[in-house]
Amino acid sequence: MFLIEKQHLRPVIKKITVSSIDSSITRTVRKDNTIIYLSNRYSVPLGTYKKGKSVFIEVTEEGYLFIREEKEGPVIANHRLSHEKGKLIQDTQHTRDRTKGIPAYITSLAEKFKNQELARIYLEEIHQRYPRYIRDQLQLIGKAIKAEPDLIDEALEECINKGIYSATEFSDIIQYVKRQRQLNKDEGKQNQNIKLLPQVDKSAIYTKPHTRKLDDYLEVLEGVSK
């Protein structure tokens, strides 16, 4: 019977795909800066752990595990999934303390500004707001300083006055200052091209012309007519 049925069987060619895990699934960060997934430990960057800290995970169809601190945030770690059990899958970058040398980095950047103390306060505030990404923030600011050193002091004042504390926005403010300077320069050129009227002696404006009495004109006219 099976031999008869076998003649009519067709191979299954439909590709079976496994949908990725919903990125809303979370895992608790352990004290050793790892998370548990399918009996394996996967590393996250050093310093991620805090009491009660959770991260969002997502598994791709290609077999990668993505880890984020926020549901729609940037990926802080990605690993190739292991099919073994009880393994530690660790990225060597995650074992490095990226906070080392940050104070010296801040000082070196602050020295590029005229008001070094104000610059240091500004950079330290960015450090407070983005401790996990401070090195990347400082690198972006360093590039902006190198590109437009003549504009950084004015940009710094603008950022502080407007309460702007991020590397990307600092770079945007530099470009804003650059555009404003160019506009002012163009307006100055236009004003120089306007020809001013020659200055008039104000005394001439208020000087009354010499007048003669009407009788004098009449006498002259009568003399001509005679």
Protein backbone atom coordinates (compact mmCIF):
# COMPACT_ATOMS: atom_id res chain seq x y z
CA MET A 1 0.00 0.00 0.00
CA PHE A 2 2.78 2.42 0.94
CA LEU A 3 4.59 1.74 -2.34
CA ILE A 4 1.47 2.74 -4.25
CA GLU A 5 1.02 5.95 -2.23
CA LYS A 6 4.72 6.80 -2.54
CA GLN A 7 4.31 7.28 -6.27
CA HIS A 8 1.91 10.16 -5.62
CA LEU A 9 3.91 11.88 -2.87
CA ARG A 10 5.59 15.20 -3.63
CA PRO A 11 8.54 16.71 -1.77
CA VAL A 12 7.83 19.69 0.49
CA ILE A 13 9.60 22.67 -0.99
CA LYS A 14 8.00 25.41 1.08
CA LYS A 15 10.61 27.24 3.12
CA ILE A 16 9.87 27.25 6.81
CA THR A 17 10.82 30.49 8.49
CA VAL A 18 10.98 31.22 12.15
CA SER A 19 9.68 34.61 13.10
CA SER A 20 11.91 36.70 15.29
CA ILE A 21 11.17 37.13 18.94
CA ASP A 22 9.11 40.21 19.76
CA SER A 23 11.47 42.98 20.79
CA SER A 24 9.23 43.72 23.78
CA ILE A 25 10.59 40.63 25.55
CA THR A 26 12.98 41.61 28.32
CA ARG A 27 15.73 39.97 30.30
CA THR A 28 17.21 40.99 33.63
CA VAL A 29 20.84 42.09 33.59
CA ARG A 30 22.92 40.07 36.03
CA LYS A 31 25.71 41.41 38.23
CA ASP A 32 28.32 39.98 35.87
CA ASN A 33 26.82 42.10 33.04
CA THR A 34 25.20 39.18 31.24
CA ILE A 35 21.67 38.06 30.43
CA ILE A 36 20.29 34.54 30.25
CA TYR A 37 18.76 33.28 27.01
CA LEU A 38 18.02 29.61 26.30
CA SER A 39 20.34 28.41 29.09
CA ASN A 40 23.29 30.49 27.85
CA ARG A 41 24.76 33.73 29.16
CA TYR A 42 25.26 36.61 26.72
CA SER A 43 27.38 39.60 27.64
CA VAL A 44 26.39 43.25 27.66
CA PRO A 45 28.82 46.18 27.98
CA LEU A 46 30.57 46.64 31.31
CA GLY A 47 28.60 49.01 33.51
CA THR A 48 25.18 48.06 32.14
CA TYR A 49 24.17 46.30 35.35
CA LYS A 50 22.08 48.16 37.89
CA LYS A 51 19.76 46.71 40.47
CA GLY A 52 16.54 45.72 38.72
CA LYS A 53 17.92 46.64 35.29
CA SER A 54 16.22 44.98 32.32
CA VAL A 55 17.03 45.04 28.61
CA PHE A 56 15.03 44.26 25.49
CA ILE A 57 16.02 41.32 23.30
CA GLU A 58 15.30 40.36 19.72
CA VAL A 59 16.34 37.30 17.72
CA THR A 60 16.71 37.63 13.97
CA GLU A 61 15.97 34.96 11.38
CA GLU A 62 19.69 34.93 10.63
CA GLY A 63 20.34 33.66 14.15
CA TYR A 64 21.56 36.78 15.92
CA LEU A 65 20.57 38.06 19.33
CA PHE A 66 20.16 41.85 19.56
CA ILE A 67 20.09 43.53 22.95
CA ARG A 68 18.79 47.07 23.58
CA GLU A 69 18.39 49.19 26.68
CA GLU A 70 15.20 50.68 25.26
CA LYS A 71 12.62 49.00 23.04
CA GLU A 72 13.34 51.25 20.05
CA GLY A 73 16.82 52.26 21.17
CA PRO A 74 20.22 51.46 19.66
CA VAL A 75 21.65 47.95 19.88
CA ILE A 76 24.15 47.79 22.74
CA ALA A 77 25.15 44.17 22.10
CA ASN A 78 24.69 41.56 19.40
CA HIS A 79 25.74 37.93 19.47
CA ARG A 80 25.56 34.89 17.25
CA LEU A 81 23.17 32.48 18.94
CA SER A 82 24.76 29.39 20.42
CA HIS A 83 23.00 26.03 20.12
CA GLU A 84 24.96 24.68 23.07
CA LYS A 85 23.87 24.88 26.68
CA GLY A 86 25.47 26.50 29.71
CA LYS A 87 27.90 28.59 27.64
CA LEU A 88 29.12 32.16 28.14
CA ILE A 89 29.00 34.07 24.87
CA GLN A 90 31.04 37.19 25.43
CA ASP A 91 32.18 40.10 23.29
CA THR A 92 35.71 41.11 24.31
CA GLN A 93 34.73 44.77 23.90
CA HIS A 94 32.27 44.32 26.75
CA THR A 95 35.06 43.61 29.24
CA ARG A 96 36.73 46.99 28.74
CA ASP A 97 35.99 49.89 31.04
CA ARG A 98 35.17 52.63 28.55
CA THR A 99 34.92 55.22 31.33
CA LYS A 100 38.68 55.20 31.92
CA GLY A 101 40.38 58.36 30.76
CA ILE A 102 37.13 60.30 30.39
CA PRO A 103 38.12 63.13 32.80
CA ALA A 104 41.38 63.63 30.88
CA TYR A 105 39.46 63.54 27.61
CA ILE A 106 37.08 66.24 28.86
CA THR A 107 39.98 68.40 30.01
CA SER A 108 41.76 68.11 26.67
CA LEU A 109 38.63 69.23 24.80
CA ALA A 110 37.88 72.05 27.24
CA GLU A 111 41.34 73.47 26.59
CA LYS A 112 40.29 74.18 22.99
CA PHE A 113 37.84 76.85 24.17
CA LYS A 114 38.58 80.38 25.33
CA ASN A 115 36.43 79.89 28.42
CA GLN A 116 37.85 76.55 29.52
CA GLU A 117 35.92 76.40 32.78
CA LEU A 118 32.58 76.94 31.03
CA ALA A 119 33.49 74.30 28.44
CA ARG A 120 34.44 71.81 31.15
CA ILE A 121 31.12 72.34 32.94
CA TYR A 122 29.28 71.86 29.65
CA LEU A 123 31.12 68.63 28.81
CA GLU A 124 30.64 67.24 32.30
CA GLU A 125 26.92 67.88 32.02
CA ILE A 126 26.90 65.82 28.82
CA HIS A 127 28.77 63.12 30.74
CA GLN A 128 26.04 63.13 33.39
CA ARG A 129 23.31 62.82 30.78
CA TYR A 130 24.97 60.19 28.58
CA PRO A 131 27.36 58.20 30.80
CA ARG A 132 27.07 55.06 28.67
CA TYR A 133 27.91 56.89 25.45
CA ILE A 134 30.17 59.65 26.72
CA ARG A 135 33.21 58.55 24.73
CA ASP A 136 31.20 58.65 21.49
CA GLN A 137 29.80 62.04 22.50
CA LEU A 138 33.25 63.46 23.15
CA GLN A 139 34.60 62.06 19.89
CA LEU A 140 31.85 63.83 17.93
CA ILE A 141 32.52 67.10 19.75
CA GLY A 142 36.24 66.70 19.08
CA LYS A 143 35.57 66.33 15.35
CA ALA A 144 33.36 69.43 15.38
CA ILE A 145 36.06 71.42 17.17
CA LYS A 146 38.68 70.34 14.66
CA ALA A 147 36.43 71.22 11.71
CA GLU A 148 35.37 74.71 12.89
CA PRO A 149 37.71 75.94 15.66
CA ASP A 150 36.75 79.59 15.13
CA LEU A 151 33.07 78.94 15.82
CA ILE A 152 33.15 76.76 18.92
CA ASP A 153 33.10 79.54 21.51
CA GLU A 154 29.99 81.16 20.09
CA ALA A 155 28.40 77.73 19.65
CA LEU A 156 29.15 76.88 23.29
CA GLU A 157 27.36 80.01 24.50
CA GLU A 158 24.38 79.27 22.25
CA CYS A 159 24.13 75.70 23.57
CA ILE A 160 24.25 76.76 27.20
CA ASN A 161 21.75 79.59 26.69
CA LYS A 162 19.32 77.24 24.95
CA GLY A 163 19.91 74.28 27.29
CA ILE A 164 21.35 72.07 24.55
CA TYR A 165 23.54 69.24 25.83
CA SER A 166 24.46 66.67 23.19
CA ALA A 167 27.26 66.23 20.68
CA THR A 168 24.98 66.07 17.64
CA GLU A 169 23.16 69.27 18.57
CA PHE A 170 26.45 70.99 19.39
CA SER A 171 27.56 70.26 15.83
CA ASP A 172 24.22 71.57 14.52
CA ILE A 173 24.65 74.81 16.47
CA ILE A 174 28.11 75.28 14.97
CA GLN A 175 26.56 75.10 11.50
CA TYR A 176 23.86 77.53 12.59
CA VAL A 177 26.48 80.01 13.82
CA LYS A 178 28.38 79.56 10.56
CA ARG A 179 25.27 80.39 8.51
CA GLN A 180 24.48 83.43 10.66
CA ARG A 181 27.98 84.79 10.22
CA GLN A 182 27.73 84.37 6.46
CA LEU A 183 24.38 86.19 6.40
CA ASN A 184 25.79 89.07 8.42
CA LYS A 185 28.78 89.21 6.10
CA ASP A 186 26.56 89.34 3.01
CA GLU A 187 24.41 92.09 4.51
CA GLY A 188 27.54 94.10 5.28
CA LYS A 189 28.64 93.88 1.66
CA GLN A 190 25.24 95.04 0.45
CA ASN A 191 25.34 98.04 2.75
CA GLN A 192 28.78 99.01 1.43
CA ASN A 193 27.49 98.95 -2.15
CA ILE A 194 24.76 101.49 -1.39
CA LYS A 195 25.95 104.97 -2.53
CA LEU A 196 25.38 107.53 0.15
CA LEU A 197 24.21 111.01 -0.84
CA PRO A 198 26.85 113.72 -0.42
CA GLN A 199 26.55 115.40 2.92
CA VAL A 200 24.64 118.67 2.88
CA ASP A 201 25.68 121.67 4.92
CA LYS A 202 22.91 121.92 7.48
CA SER A 203 23.41 125.70 7.73
CA ALA A 204 22.25 125.99 4.11
CA ILE A 205 18.97 124.35 5.02
CA TYR A 206 18.16 126.91 7.65
CA THR A 207 19.51 129.98 5.79
CA LYS A 208 16.72 132.25 4.57
CA PRO A 209 17.20 133.86 1.14
CA HIS A 210 17.64 137.63 0.99
CA THR A 211 14.27 139.29 0.27
CA ARG A 212 13.46 142.79 -0.99
CA LYS A 213 10.32 144.77 -0.35
CA LEU A 214 7.57 144.62 -2.96
CA ASP A 215 7.81 148.44 -3.48
CA ASP A 216 11.43 148.09 -4.60
CA TYR A 217 10.44 145.62 -7.35
CA LEU A 218 7.61 147.88 -8.46
CA GLU A 219 9.95 150.90 -8.75
CA VAL A 220 12.34 148.88 -10.90
CA LEU A 221 9.54 147.71 -13.16
CA GLU A 222 8.15 151.25 -13.50
CA GLY A 223 11.60 152.57 -14.45
CA VAL A 224 11.90 149.94 -17.19
CA SER A 225 8.52 150.81 -18.61
CA LYS A 226 9.31 154.55 -18.89
